[in-house]
Amino acid sequence: MDLCDIGQIKALLARHGFRFSKSMGQNFLIADWVPREIAKASGAGPGSGVLEVGPGIGCLTRELAPFILDWTKRPGILAFGCSLGATHAANLFFRRPDLFDRVLALSGIYTGSYGFGGYSDELVYLNSLVDCMANMPSGHPYIDLYNRKKGVVCAGQGAWEQPETTRRLKQIFEEKGINIWVDLWGWDVCHDWPWWYKQTEYFLPYLLD
């Protein structure tokens, strides 16, 4: 899909019932050279951190990922997030293991039904890990890619946590022979930053080794 093609953008937004307004600063890049120039002009280099805020439909992300790979001279990127960010991080890693070689997903919910109820289409399905991963053929080439990389999916079982889809992912990974570390912490571990700090400190040495 060309994420800078105005016709495809409008069709995508209409399909999902999204409405945007220029008066609220909601704009779209429709010239494919612009994201490339933004990535080049960012001034990022080895040792820099890159945080993309409000990635929209992903046209800049598509350019930033190869750009990061080029200037770090490393084989991949760590996708990391907590809560809804964990959902996004896991989707990035499992959909694009050719670009992302590590994932740390803390306290995510990995089903499209959480946000869309009974509605589903191809895009929702591909971002609903418990569905698309369950249906991945056992001989899919991505499985070998996953097993040559490292990943951690973790959730607590205390207040505000919803670990059901994390448990389901663990079951799917075991069935498919996918060596991703799925860890469920205790009933005292709640959905909040103090625990995410502890989990990050605990898991990062493994992921960065």
N, C-alpha and C. Protein backbone atom coordinates (compact mmCIF):
# COMPACT_ATOMS: atom_id res chain seq x y z
N MET A 1 0.84 -1.19 0.00
CA MET A 1 0.00 0.00 0.00
C MET A 1 0.87 1.24 0.00
N ASP A 2 0.54 2.23 -0.84
CA ASP A 2 1.27 3.48 -0.90
C ASP A 2 0.65 4.44 0.12
N LEU A 3 1.33 4.64 1.24
CA LEU A 3 0.79 5.46 2.32
C LEU A 3 0.88 6.96 2.03
N CYS A 4 1.42 7.33 0.87
CA CYS A 4 1.44 8.74 0.47
C CYS A 4 0.51 9.01 -0.72
N ASP A 5 -0.26 8.03 -1.09
CA ASP A 5 -1.21 8.20 -2.20
C ASP A 5 -2.55 8.66 -1.63
N ILE A 6 -2.99 9.87 -2.03
CA ILE A 6 -4.17 10.47 -1.43
C ILE A 6 -5.41 9.60 -1.65
N GLY A 7 -5.50 8.95 -2.81
CA GLY A 7 -6.64 8.08 -3.07
C GLY A 7 -6.69 6.90 -2.12
N GLN A 8 -5.53 6.25 -1.90
CA GLN A 8 -5.48 5.11 -0.99
C GLN A 8 -5.69 5.54 0.46
N ILE A 9 -5.19 6.73 0.82
CA ILE A 9 -5.39 7.24 2.18
C ILE A 9 -6.88 7.46 2.44
N LYS A 10 -7.56 8.12 1.50
CA LYS A 10 -8.99 8.39 1.68
C LYS A 10 -9.79 7.09 1.78
N ALA A 11 -9.44 6.11 0.94
CA ALA A 11 -10.15 4.84 0.98
C ALA A 11 -9.94 4.13 2.31
N LEU A 12 -8.70 4.17 2.83
CA LEU A 12 -8.39 3.54 4.11
C LEU A 12 -9.18 4.19 5.24
N LEU A 13 -9.21 5.52 5.27
CA LEU A 13 -9.92 6.23 6.33
C LEU A 13 -11.42 6.00 6.24
N ALA A 14 -11.95 6.01 5.02
CA ALA A 14 -13.39 5.78 4.85
C ALA A 14 -13.79 4.38 5.30
N ARG A 15 -12.91 3.41 5.00
CA ARG A 15 -13.22 2.02 5.36
C ARG A 15 -13.37 1.85 6.87
N HIS A 16 -12.62 2.67 7.63
CA HIS A 16 -12.65 2.53 9.09
C HIS A 16 -13.44 3.65 9.77
N GLY A 17 -14.08 4.51 8.97
CA GLY A 17 -14.93 5.55 9.54
C GLY A 17 -14.19 6.65 10.25
N PHE A 18 -12.92 6.91 9.87
CA PHE A 18 -12.15 7.97 10.52
C PHE A 18 -12.41 9.31 9.83
N ARG A 19 -12.43 10.38 10.63
CA ARG A 19 -12.59 11.74 10.12
C ARG A 19 -11.47 12.59 10.70
N PHE A 20 -10.86 13.42 9.86
CA PHE A 20 -9.77 14.26 10.32
C PHE A 20 -10.00 15.70 9.88
N SER A 21 -9.38 16.64 10.58
CA SER A 21 -9.59 18.06 10.30
C SER A 21 -8.26 18.80 10.29
N LYS A 22 -8.03 19.58 9.22
CA LYS A 22 -6.81 20.39 9.15
C LYS A 22 -6.78 21.44 10.25
N SER A 23 -7.95 21.91 10.66
CA SER A 23 -8.01 22.93 11.71
C SER A 23 -7.47 22.43 13.03
N MET A 24 -7.42 21.12 13.19
CA MET A 24 -6.88 20.51 14.40
C MET A 24 -5.46 20.00 14.19
N GLY A 25 -4.87 20.40 13.07
CA GLY A 25 -3.48 20.01 12.79
C GLY A 25 -3.33 18.59 12.29
N GLN A 26 -4.42 18.01 11.80
CA GLN A 26 -4.37 16.63 11.31
C GLN A 26 -4.17 16.65 9.80
N ASN A 27 -2.93 16.36 9.40
CA ASN A 27 -2.56 16.44 8.00
C ASN A 27 -1.90 15.15 7.54
N PHE A 28 -1.79 14.98 6.23
CA PHE A 28 -1.20 13.77 5.67
C PHE A 28 -0.14 14.14 4.64
N LEU A 29 0.94 13.38 4.64
CA LEU A 29 1.99 13.56 3.64
C LEU A 29 1.57 12.83 2.37
N ILE A 30 1.47 13.57 1.27
CA ILE A 30 1.02 12.94 0.03
C ILE A 30 2.08 13.00 -1.07
N ALA A 31 3.29 13.43 -0.71
CA ALA A 31 4.42 13.38 -1.64
C ALA A 31 5.44 12.41 -1.05
N ASP A 32 5.73 11.32 -1.76
CA ASP A 32 6.52 10.25 -1.15
C ASP A 32 7.96 10.65 -0.86
N TRP A 33 8.43 11.75 -1.47
CA TRP A 33 9.80 12.18 -1.20
C TRP A 33 9.92 12.91 0.14
N VAL A 34 8.80 13.43 0.67
CA VAL A 34 8.86 14.22 1.90
C VAL A 34 9.28 13.38 3.11
N PRO A 35 8.68 12.19 3.37
CA PRO A 35 9.15 11.39 4.51
C PRO A 35 10.64 11.05 4.43
N ARG A 36 11.12 10.77 3.22
CA ARG A 36 12.55 10.46 3.07
C ARG A 36 13.41 11.66 3.47
N GLU A 37 13.00 12.86 3.03
CA GLU A 37 13.77 14.06 3.36
C GLU A 37 13.68 14.39 4.85
N ILE A 38 12.52 14.14 5.46
CA ILE A 38 12.40 14.36 6.91
C ILE A 38 13.36 13.44 7.66
N ALA A 39 13.41 12.18 7.25
CA ALA A 39 14.32 11.23 7.91
C ALA A 39 15.76 11.68 7.75
N LYS A 40 16.13 12.12 6.55
CA LYS A 40 17.50 12.56 6.31
C LYS A 40 17.84 13.82 7.09
N ALA A 41 16.85 14.72 7.20
CA ALA A 41 17.09 16.01 7.85
C ALA A 41 16.99 15.94 9.37
N SER A 42 16.66 14.78 9.92
CA SER A 42 16.45 14.67 11.36
C SER A 42 17.72 14.93 12.16
N GLY A 43 18.87 14.74 11.51
CA GLY A 43 20.13 14.94 12.22
C GLY A 43 20.51 13.78 13.11
N ALA A 44 19.71 12.71 13.09
CA ALA A 44 20.01 11.55 13.92
C ALA A 44 21.26 10.84 13.41
N GLY A 45 22.00 10.31 14.35
CA GLY A 45 23.21 9.57 14.00
C GLY A 45 23.48 8.52 15.05
N PRO A 46 24.59 7.79 14.93
CA PRO A 46 24.92 6.77 15.93
C PRO A 46 24.89 7.35 17.34
N GLY A 47 24.22 6.69 18.24
CA GLY A 47 24.09 7.15 19.60
C GLY A 47 22.86 7.99 19.85
N SER A 48 22.15 8.38 18.80
CA SER A 48 20.94 9.18 18.96
C SER A 48 19.76 8.30 19.35
N GLY A 49 18.79 8.89 20.01
CA GLY A 49 17.51 8.23 20.24
C GLY A 49 16.48 8.85 19.32
N VAL A 50 15.60 8.03 18.80
CA VAL A 50 14.58 8.51 17.88
C VAL A 50 13.21 8.17 18.45
N LEU A 51 12.38 9.19 18.68
CA LEU A 51 11.02 9.00 19.17
C LEU A 51 10.07 9.64 18.19
N GLU A 52 9.22 8.84 17.58
CA GLU A 52 8.22 9.36 16.65
C GLU A 52 6.90 9.48 17.39
N VAL A 53 6.40 10.72 17.51
CA VAL A 53 5.17 10.99 18.24
C VAL A 53 4.04 11.21 17.24
N GLY A 54 2.94 10.50 17.43
CA GLY A 54 1.82 10.64 16.51
C GLY A 54 2.15 10.14 15.13
N PRO A 55 2.47 8.85 14.96
CA PRO A 55 2.93 8.33 13.68
C PRO A 55 1.86 8.27 12.60
N GLY A 56 0.59 8.54 12.96
CA GLY A 56 -0.45 8.52 11.94
C GLY A 56 -0.60 7.16 11.30
N ILE A 57 -0.66 7.13 9.96
CA ILE A 57 -0.86 5.86 9.27
C ILE A 57 0.45 5.18 8.90
N GLY A 58 1.59 5.79 9.23
CA GLY A 58 2.84 5.06 9.13
C GLY A 58 3.77 5.41 7.99
N CYS A 59 3.49 6.48 7.22
CA CYS A 59 4.36 6.76 6.07
C CYS A 59 5.75 7.19 6.51
N LEU A 60 5.86 7.92 7.62
CA LEU A 60 7.19 8.32 8.09
C LEU A 60 7.91 7.14 8.76
N THR A 61 7.15 6.31 9.50
CA THR A 61 7.74 5.12 10.10
C THR A 61 8.40 4.24 9.05
N ARG A 62 7.75 4.10 7.91
CA ARG A 62 8.27 3.27 6.83
C ARG A 62 9.62 3.77 6.35
N GLU A 63 9.84 5.08 6.39
CA GLU A 63 11.12 5.64 5.98
C GLU A 63 12.12 5.64 7.14
N LEU A 64 11.64 5.87 8.36
CA LEU A 64 12.54 5.95 9.51
C LEU A 64 13.21 4.63 9.82
N ALA A 65 12.46 3.52 9.68
CA ALA A 65 13.03 2.22 10.04
C ALA A 65 14.28 1.91 9.21
N PRO A 66 14.24 1.97 7.87
CA PRO A 66 15.47 1.73 7.10
C PRO A 66 16.55 2.76 7.40
N PHE A 67 16.14 4.01 7.69
CA PHE A 67 17.10 5.06 8.01
C PHE A 67 17.85 4.73 9.30
N ILE A 68 17.11 4.28 10.32
CA ILE A 68 17.74 3.90 11.59
C ILE A 68 18.70 2.74 11.38
N LEU A 69 18.29 1.76 10.60
CA LEU A 69 19.16 0.62 10.32
C LEU A 69 20.45 1.07 9.64
N ASP A 70 20.33 2.04 8.76
CA ASP A 70 21.50 2.50 8.00
C ASP A 70 22.49 3.22 8.89
N TRP A 71 22.01 4.15 9.75
CA TRP A 71 22.99 4.92 10.50
C TRP A 71 23.49 4.23 11.75
N THR A 72 22.75 3.23 12.26
CA THR A 72 23.28 2.49 13.41
C THR A 72 24.19 1.34 12.99
N LYS A 73 24.06 0.92 11.72
CA LYS A 73 24.83 -0.22 11.20
C LYS A 73 24.58 -1.48 12.02
N ARG A 74 23.38 -1.57 12.58
CA ARG A 74 22.99 -2.76 13.34
C ARG A 74 21.92 -3.52 12.56
N PRO A 75 21.73 -4.80 12.86
CA PRO A 75 20.85 -5.63 12.03
C PRO A 75 19.36 -5.42 12.27
N GLY A 76 18.97 -4.68 13.29
CA GLY A 76 17.55 -4.54 13.55
C GLY A 76 17.24 -3.49 14.60
N ILE A 77 15.97 -3.39 14.96
CA ILE A 77 15.49 -2.36 15.86
C ILE A 77 14.68 -3.02 16.97
N LEU A 78 14.81 -2.48 18.19
CA LEU A 78 14.01 -2.94 19.33
C LEU A 78 12.70 -2.18 19.36
N ALA A 79 11.59 -2.89 19.26
CA ALA A 79 10.26 -2.30 19.42
C ALA A 79 9.85 -2.47 20.88
N PHE A 80 9.50 -1.36 21.54
CA PHE A 80 9.26 -1.40 22.98
C PHE A 80 8.05 -0.53 23.33
N GLY A 81 7.17 -1.06 24.17
CA GLY A 81 6.05 -0.27 24.62
C GLY A 81 5.36 -0.88 25.82
N CYS A 82 4.59 -0.04 26.52
CA CYS A 82 3.79 -0.47 27.67
C CYS A 82 2.33 -0.16 27.38
N SER A 83 1.44 -1.00 27.88
CA SER A 83 0.01 -0.83 27.71
C SER A 83 -0.33 -0.82 26.21
N LEU A 84 -1.00 0.21 25.71
CA LEU A 84 -1.31 0.26 24.28
C LEU A 84 -0.03 0.29 23.45
N GLY A 85 1.03 0.90 24.01
CA GLY A 85 2.32 0.89 23.32
C GLY A 85 2.86 -0.51 23.14
N ALA A 86 2.56 -1.40 24.08
CA ALA A 86 2.99 -2.79 23.95
C ALA A 86 2.27 -3.47 22.79
N THR A 87 0.99 -3.15 22.64
CA THR A 87 0.24 -3.70 21.52
C THR A 87 0.87 -3.28 20.20
N HIS A 88 1.20 -1.99 20.08
CA HIS A 88 1.85 -1.50 18.86
C HIS A 88 3.22 -2.13 18.65
N ALA A 89 4.01 -2.21 19.73
CA ALA A 89 5.36 -2.77 19.61
C ALA A 89 5.31 -4.22 19.15
N ALA A 90 4.41 -5.00 19.73
CA ALA A 90 4.28 -6.40 19.33
C ALA A 90 3.83 -6.52 17.88
N ASN A 91 2.89 -5.68 17.47
CA ASN A 91 2.44 -5.71 16.08
C ASN A 91 3.58 -5.39 15.13
N LEU A 92 4.41 -4.41 15.47
CA LEU A 92 5.55 -4.07 14.63
C LEU A 92 6.49 -5.26 14.47
N PHE A 93 6.83 -5.87 15.59
CA PHE A 93 7.80 -6.97 15.56
C PHE A 93 7.25 -8.18 14.80
N PHE A 94 6.04 -8.59 15.12
CA PHE A 94 5.51 -9.83 14.53
C PHE A 94 5.06 -9.65 13.09
N ARG A 95 4.76 -8.42 12.70
CA ARG A 95 4.40 -8.18 11.30
C ARG A 95 5.63 -7.89 10.43
N ARG A 96 6.69 -7.33 11.03
CA ARG A 96 7.87 -6.98 10.25
C ARG A 96 9.16 -7.48 10.91
N PRO A 97 9.31 -8.78 11.08
CA PRO A 97 10.56 -9.29 11.66
C PRO A 97 11.76 -9.08 10.77
N ASP A 98 11.54 -8.65 9.53
CA ASP A 98 12.65 -8.29 8.65
C ASP A 98 13.27 -6.96 9.07
N LEU A 99 12.52 -6.11 9.77
CA LEU A 99 13.02 -4.81 10.21
C LEU A 99 13.33 -4.77 11.70
N PHE A 100 12.51 -5.45 12.50
CA PHE A 100 12.65 -5.38 13.96
C PHE A 100 13.20 -6.70 14.48
N ASP A 101 14.29 -6.62 15.26
CA ASP A 101 14.90 -7.87 15.73
C ASP A 101 14.77 -8.09 17.23
N ARG A 102 14.09 -7.17 17.92
CA ARG A 102 13.83 -7.33 19.35
C ARG A 102 12.45 -6.72 19.64
N VAL A 103 11.78 -7.26 20.65
CA VAL A 103 10.54 -6.65 21.12
C VAL A 103 10.43 -6.82 22.62
N LEU A 104 9.98 -5.76 23.28
CA LEU A 104 9.64 -5.80 24.69
C LEU A 104 8.24 -5.20 24.82
N ALA A 105 7.26 -6.04 25.10
CA ALA A 105 5.86 -5.64 25.16
C ALA A 105 5.34 -5.90 26.56
N LEU A 106 4.99 -4.85 27.29
CA LEU A 106 4.58 -4.95 28.69
C LEU A 106 3.12 -4.54 28.85
N SER A 107 2.30 -5.46 29.32
CA SER A 107 0.90 -5.17 29.67
C SER A 107 0.04 -4.78 28.48
N GLY A 108 0.28 -5.40 27.34
CA GLY A 108 -0.54 -5.11 26.17
C GLY A 108 -1.79 -5.97 26.11
N ILE A 109 -2.67 -5.60 25.19
CA ILE A 109 -3.85 -6.41 24.86
C ILE A 109 -3.76 -6.69 23.37
N TYR A 110 -3.79 -7.96 22.99
CA TYR A 110 -3.38 -8.36 21.65
C TYR A 110 -4.53 -8.92 20.81
N THR A 111 -5.71 -8.33 21.00
CA THR A 111 -6.86 -8.72 20.18
C THR A 111 -7.55 -7.48 19.65
N GLY A 112 -7.93 -7.52 18.38
CA GLY A 112 -8.63 -6.40 17.79
C GLY A 112 -10.01 -6.19 18.39
N SER A 113 -10.57 -7.22 18.98
CA SER A 113 -11.92 -7.10 19.55
C SER A 113 -11.96 -6.12 20.72
N TYR A 114 -10.82 -5.85 21.35
CA TYR A 114 -10.80 -4.90 22.47
C TYR A 114 -11.22 -3.51 22.01
N GLY A 115 -10.78 -3.12 20.81
CA GLY A 115 -11.11 -1.79 20.32
C GLY A 115 -12.24 -1.76 19.31
N PHE A 116 -12.48 -2.90 18.62
CA PHE A 116 -13.44 -2.90 17.52
C PHE A 116 -14.64 -3.81 17.76
N GLY A 117 -14.71 -4.45 18.92
CA GLY A 117 -15.84 -5.32 19.21
C GLY A 117 -15.91 -6.47 18.22
N GLY A 118 -17.07 -6.67 17.63
CA GLY A 118 -17.25 -7.76 16.68
C GLY A 118 -16.85 -7.43 15.27
N TYR A 119 -16.44 -6.16 15.03
CA TYR A 119 -16.05 -5.77 13.67
C TYR A 119 -14.64 -6.25 13.35
N SER A 120 -14.44 -6.68 12.10
CA SER A 120 -13.09 -7.05 11.66
C SER A 120 -13.00 -6.91 10.15
N ASP A 121 -11.83 -6.54 9.69
CA ASP A 121 -11.49 -6.59 8.27
C ASP A 121 -10.02 -6.98 8.20
N GLU A 122 -9.43 -6.89 7.02
CA GLU A 122 -8.05 -7.36 6.88
C GLU A 122 -7.10 -6.60 7.78
N LEU A 123 -7.26 -5.28 7.87
CA LEU A 123 -6.35 -4.47 8.67
C LEU A 123 -6.49 -4.78 10.16
N VAL A 124 -7.73 -4.89 10.64
CA VAL A 124 -7.94 -5.23 12.04
C VAL A 124 -7.37 -6.62 12.34
N TYR A 125 -7.63 -7.55 11.45
CA TYR A 125 -7.14 -8.93 11.63
C TYR A 125 -5.62 -8.97 11.74
N LEU A 126 -4.93 -8.24 10.87
CA LEU A 126 -3.46 -8.28 10.86
C LEU A 126 -2.86 -7.61 12.09
N ASN A 127 -3.66 -6.79 12.79
CA ASN A 127 -3.19 -6.17 14.03
C ASN A 127 -3.81 -6.81 15.26
N SER A 128 -4.42 -7.97 15.09
CA SER A 128 -4.98 -8.75 16.20
C SER A 128 -4.14 -10.01 16.33
N LEU A 129 -3.10 -9.94 17.13
CA LEU A 129 -2.08 -11.00 17.15
C LEU A 129 -2.65 -12.35 17.54
N VAL A 130 -3.59 -12.39 18.48
CA VAL A 130 -4.09 -13.70 18.89
C VAL A 130 -4.84 -14.39 17.76
N ASP A 131 -5.28 -13.63 16.77
CA ASP A 131 -5.97 -14.21 15.63
C ASP A 131 -5.00 -14.56 14.51
N CYS A 132 -4.22 -13.57 14.05
CA CYS A 132 -3.36 -13.84 12.90
C CYS A 132 -2.22 -14.79 13.24
N MET A 133 -1.70 -14.74 14.47
CA MET A 133 -0.63 -15.66 14.85
C MET A 133 -1.16 -17.08 15.00
N ALA A 134 -2.39 -17.22 15.49
CA ALA A 134 -2.98 -18.55 15.64
C ALA A 134 -3.16 -19.23 14.29
N ASN A 135 -3.40 -18.43 13.25
CA ASN A 135 -3.63 -18.98 11.92
C ASN A 135 -2.37 -19.04 11.05
N MET A 136 -1.25 -18.64 11.60
CA MET A 136 0.00 -18.70 10.83
C MET A 136 0.38 -20.16 10.56
N PRO A 137 0.62 -20.52 9.30
CA PRO A 137 1.01 -21.91 9.00
C PRO A 137 2.30 -22.29 9.71
N SER A 138 2.41 -23.56 10.08
CA SER A 138 3.58 -24.01 10.84
C SER A 138 4.88 -23.84 10.07
N GLY A 139 4.81 -23.83 8.75
CA GLY A 139 6.02 -23.67 7.96
C GLY A 139 6.27 -22.27 7.48
N HIS A 140 5.57 -21.29 8.04
CA HIS A 140 5.72 -19.91 7.59
C HIS A 140 7.16 -19.44 7.82
N PRO A 141 7.78 -18.75 6.83
CA PRO A 141 9.18 -18.32 6.98
C PRO A 141 9.40 -17.34 8.13
N TYR A 142 8.37 -16.64 8.57
CA TYR A 142 8.54 -15.71 9.69
C TYR A 142 8.90 -16.45 10.98
N ILE A 143 8.46 -17.68 11.13
CA ILE A 143 8.75 -18.41 12.36
C ILE A 143 10.24 -18.57 12.54
N ASP A 144 10.94 -18.88 11.47
CA ASP A 144 12.40 -18.97 11.56
C ASP A 144 13.02 -17.62 11.89
N LEU A 145 12.46 -16.55 11.33
CA LEU A 145 12.95 -15.20 11.65
C LEU A 145 12.75 -14.88 13.12
N TYR A 146 11.57 -15.17 13.65
CA TYR A 146 11.32 -14.93 15.08
C TYR A 146 12.34 -15.66 15.94
N ASN A 147 12.64 -16.90 15.57
CA ASN A 147 13.51 -17.73 16.40
C ASN A 147 14.98 -17.35 16.28
N ARG A 148 15.32 -16.51 15.33
CA ARG A 148 16.68 -15.99 15.23
C ARG A 148 16.81 -14.63 15.91
N LYS A 149 15.72 -14.19 16.54
CA LYS A 149 15.70 -12.90 17.21
C LYS A 149 15.32 -13.11 18.67
N LYS A 150 15.02 -12.03 19.38
CA LYS A 150 14.64 -12.15 20.79
C LYS A 150 13.42 -11.29 21.06
N GLY A 151 12.56 -11.82 21.91
CA GLY A 151 11.38 -11.06 22.27
C GLY A 151 10.87 -11.43 23.65
N VAL A 152 10.24 -10.45 24.30
CA VAL A 152 9.62 -10.66 25.61
C VAL A 152 8.23 -10.04 25.58
N VAL A 153 7.25 -10.83 25.97
CA VAL A 153 5.89 -10.34 26.18
C VAL A 153 5.54 -10.62 27.63
N CYS A 154 5.20 -9.58 28.36
CA CYS A 154 5.01 -9.74 29.81
C CYS A 154 3.76 -9.00 30.27
N ALA A 155 3.10 -9.54 31.26
CA ALA A 155 1.96 -8.86 31.89
C ALA A 155 1.90 -9.24 33.36
N GLY A 156 1.40 -8.33 34.17
CA GLY A 156 1.11 -8.65 35.55
C GLY A 156 -0.29 -9.24 35.65
N GLN A 157 -0.68 -9.60 36.85
CA GLN A 157 -2.01 -10.17 37.07
C GLN A 157 -2.78 -9.44 38.17
N GLY A 158 -2.28 -8.22 38.47
CA GLY A 158 -2.91 -7.43 39.52
C GLY A 158 -3.91 -6.42 38.97
N ALA A 159 -4.09 -5.34 39.71
CA ALA A 159 -5.09 -4.33 39.38
C ALA A 159 -4.89 -3.75 37.99
N TRP A 160 -6.00 -3.63 37.26
CA TRP A 160 -6.08 -3.01 35.93
C TRP A 160 -5.40 -3.80 34.82
N GLU A 161 -4.77 -4.90 35.15
CA GLU A 161 -4.16 -5.71 34.10
C GLU A 161 -5.22 -6.60 33.44
N GLN A 162 -4.98 -6.93 32.17
CA GLN A 162 -5.84 -7.87 31.44
C GLN A 162 -4.93 -8.86 30.72
N PRO A 163 -4.47 -9.88 31.44
CA PRO A 163 -3.43 -10.76 30.91
C PRO A 163 -3.93 -11.90 30.03
N GLU A 164 -5.23 -11.94 29.74
CA GLU A 164 -5.79 -13.09 29.01
C GLU A 164 -5.13 -13.28 27.64
N THR A 165 -4.94 -12.19 26.89
CA THR A 165 -4.35 -12.36 25.56
C THR A 165 -2.85 -12.65 25.63
N THR A 166 -2.21 -12.23 26.71
CA THR A 166 -0.80 -12.61 26.90
C THR A 166 -0.72 -14.12 27.11
N ARG A 167 -1.63 -14.66 27.92
CA ARG A 167 -1.66 -16.12 28.12
C ARG A 167 -1.94 -16.83 26.79
N ARG A 168 -2.84 -16.28 26.01
CA ARG A 168 -3.17 -16.90 24.72
C ARG A 168 -1.97 -16.87 23.77
N LEU A 169 -1.22 -15.77 23.77
CA LEU A 169 -0.01 -15.72 22.94
C LEU A 169 1.00 -16.77 23.37
N LYS A 170 1.14 -16.96 24.67
CA LYS A 170 2.07 -17.98 25.15
C LYS A 170 1.68 -19.35 24.61
N GLN A 171 0.40 -19.65 24.64
CA GLN A 171 -0.09 -20.93 24.12
C GLN A 171 0.19 -21.05 22.62
N ILE A 172 -0.07 -19.99 21.87
CA ILE A 172 0.15 -20.00 20.42
C ILE A 172 1.63 -20.20 20.11
N PHE A 173 2.49 -19.48 20.82
CA PHE A 173 3.93 -19.59 20.56
C PHE A 173 4.42 -21.01 20.83
N GLU A 174 3.92 -21.61 21.88
CA GLU A 174 4.32 -22.99 22.20
C GLU A 174 3.84 -23.95 21.11
N GLU A 175 2.63 -23.75 20.63
CA GLU A 175 2.10 -24.61 19.57
C GLU A 175 2.87 -24.47 18.26
N LYS A 176 3.32 -23.24 17.95
CA LYS A 176 4.01 -22.98 16.69
C LYS A 176 5.52 -23.16 16.77
N GLY A 177 6.03 -23.40 17.98
CA GLY A 177 7.48 -23.52 18.14
C GLY A 177 8.19 -22.19 18.01
N ILE A 178 7.56 -21.11 18.46
CA ILE A 178 8.13 -19.76 18.42
C ILE A 178 8.75 -19.46 19.78
N ASN A 179 10.04 -19.19 19.79
CA ASN A 179 10.77 -19.06 21.05
C ASN A 179 10.78 -17.62 21.56
N ILE A 180 9.59 -17.13 21.88
CA ILE A 180 9.44 -15.82 22.50
C ILE A 180 9.15 -16.01 23.98
N TRP A 181 9.85 -15.24 24.81
CA TRP A 181 9.69 -15.35 26.26
C TRP A 181 8.40 -14.64 26.68
N VAL A 182 7.43 -15.40 27.14
CA VAL A 182 6.18 -14.85 27.66
C VAL A 182 6.17 -15.07 29.17
N ASP A 183 6.06 -13.96 29.91
CA ASP A 183 6.22 -14.03 31.36
C ASP A 183 5.02 -13.35 32.04
N LEU A 184 4.37 -14.08 32.92
CA LEU A 184 3.27 -13.53 33.71
C LEU A 184 3.75 -13.29 35.13
N TRP A 185 3.72 -12.03 35.55
CA TRP A 185 4.15 -11.68 36.90
C TRP A 185 2.97 -11.82 37.86
N GLY A 186 3.22 -11.59 39.14
CA GLY A 186 2.28 -11.97 40.19
C GLY A 186 1.01 -11.16 40.27
N TRP A 187 0.16 -11.56 41.21
CA TRP A 187 -1.13 -10.92 41.41
C TRP A 187 -1.00 -9.55 42.06
N ASP A 188 0.18 -9.23 42.53
CA ASP A 188 0.42 -7.90 43.10
C ASP A 188 0.93 -6.92 42.05
N VAL A 189 1.19 -7.40 40.85
CA VAL A 189 1.79 -6.57 39.80
C VAL A 189 0.68 -5.90 39.00
N CYS A 190 0.55 -4.57 39.15
CA CYS A 190 -0.56 -3.86 38.54
C CYS A 190 -0.13 -3.14 37.26
N HIS A 191 -1.09 -2.56 36.60
CA HIS A 191 -0.92 -1.90 35.30
C HIS A 191 -0.47 -0.46 35.54
N ASP A 192 0.81 -0.30 35.88
CA ASP A 192 1.27 1.05 36.23
C ASP A 192 2.78 1.14 36.07
N TRP A 193 3.25 2.39 35.97
CA TRP A 193 4.65 2.64 35.65
C TRP A 193 5.67 2.06 36.62
N PRO A 194 5.44 2.08 37.93
CA PRO A 194 6.47 1.50 38.81
C PRO A 194 6.82 0.06 38.43
N TRP A 195 5.82 -0.73 38.05
CA TRP A 195 6.11 -2.11 37.65
C TRP A 195 6.76 -2.18 36.28
N TRP A 196 6.38 -1.29 35.36
CA TRP A 196 7.00 -1.31 34.03
C TRP A 196 8.48 -0.94 34.11
N TYR A 197 8.81 -0.01 35.03
CA TYR A 197 10.23 0.30 35.23
C TYR A 197 11.00 -0.94 35.69
N LYS A 198 10.42 -1.67 36.63
CA LYS A 198 11.09 -2.87 37.15
C LYS A 198 11.21 -3.93 36.06
N GLN A 199 10.17 -4.11 35.27
CA GLN A 199 10.21 -5.11 34.21
C GLN A 199 11.21 -4.74 33.13
N THR A 200 11.27 -3.46 32.79
CA THR A 200 12.25 -3.01 31.78
C THR A 200 13.67 -3.28 32.25
N GLU A 201 13.96 -2.94 33.50
CA GLU A 201 15.29 -3.19 34.06
C GLU A 201 15.61 -4.68 34.08
N TYR A 202 14.60 -5.50 34.29
CA TYR A 202 14.80 -6.94 34.38
C TYR A 202 15.05 -7.57 33.01
N PHE A 203 14.29 -7.14 31.99
CA PHE A 203 14.34 -7.82 30.70
C PHE A 203 15.38 -7.26 29.72
N LEU A 204 15.73 -5.98 29.86
CA LEU A 204 16.61 -5.38 28.86
C LEU A 204 17.98 -6.07 28.74
N PRO A 205 18.62 -6.46 29.84
CA PRO A 205 19.91 -7.15 29.68
C PRO A 205 19.80 -8.40 28.77
N TYR A 206 18.72 -9.13 28.91
CA TYR A 206 18.51 -10.31 28.04
C TYR A 206 18.36 -9.89 26.59
N LEU A 207 17.58 -8.85 26.35
CA LEU A 207 17.30 -8.44 24.97
C LEU A 207 18.51 -7.80 24.31
N LEU A 208 19.33 -7.13 25.08
CA LEU A 208 20.47 -6.42 24.50
C LEU A 208 21.75 -7.25 24.46
N ASP A 209 21.71 -8.44 25.02
CA ASP A 209 22.90 -9.30 25.04
C ASP A 209 23.22 -9.78 23.62
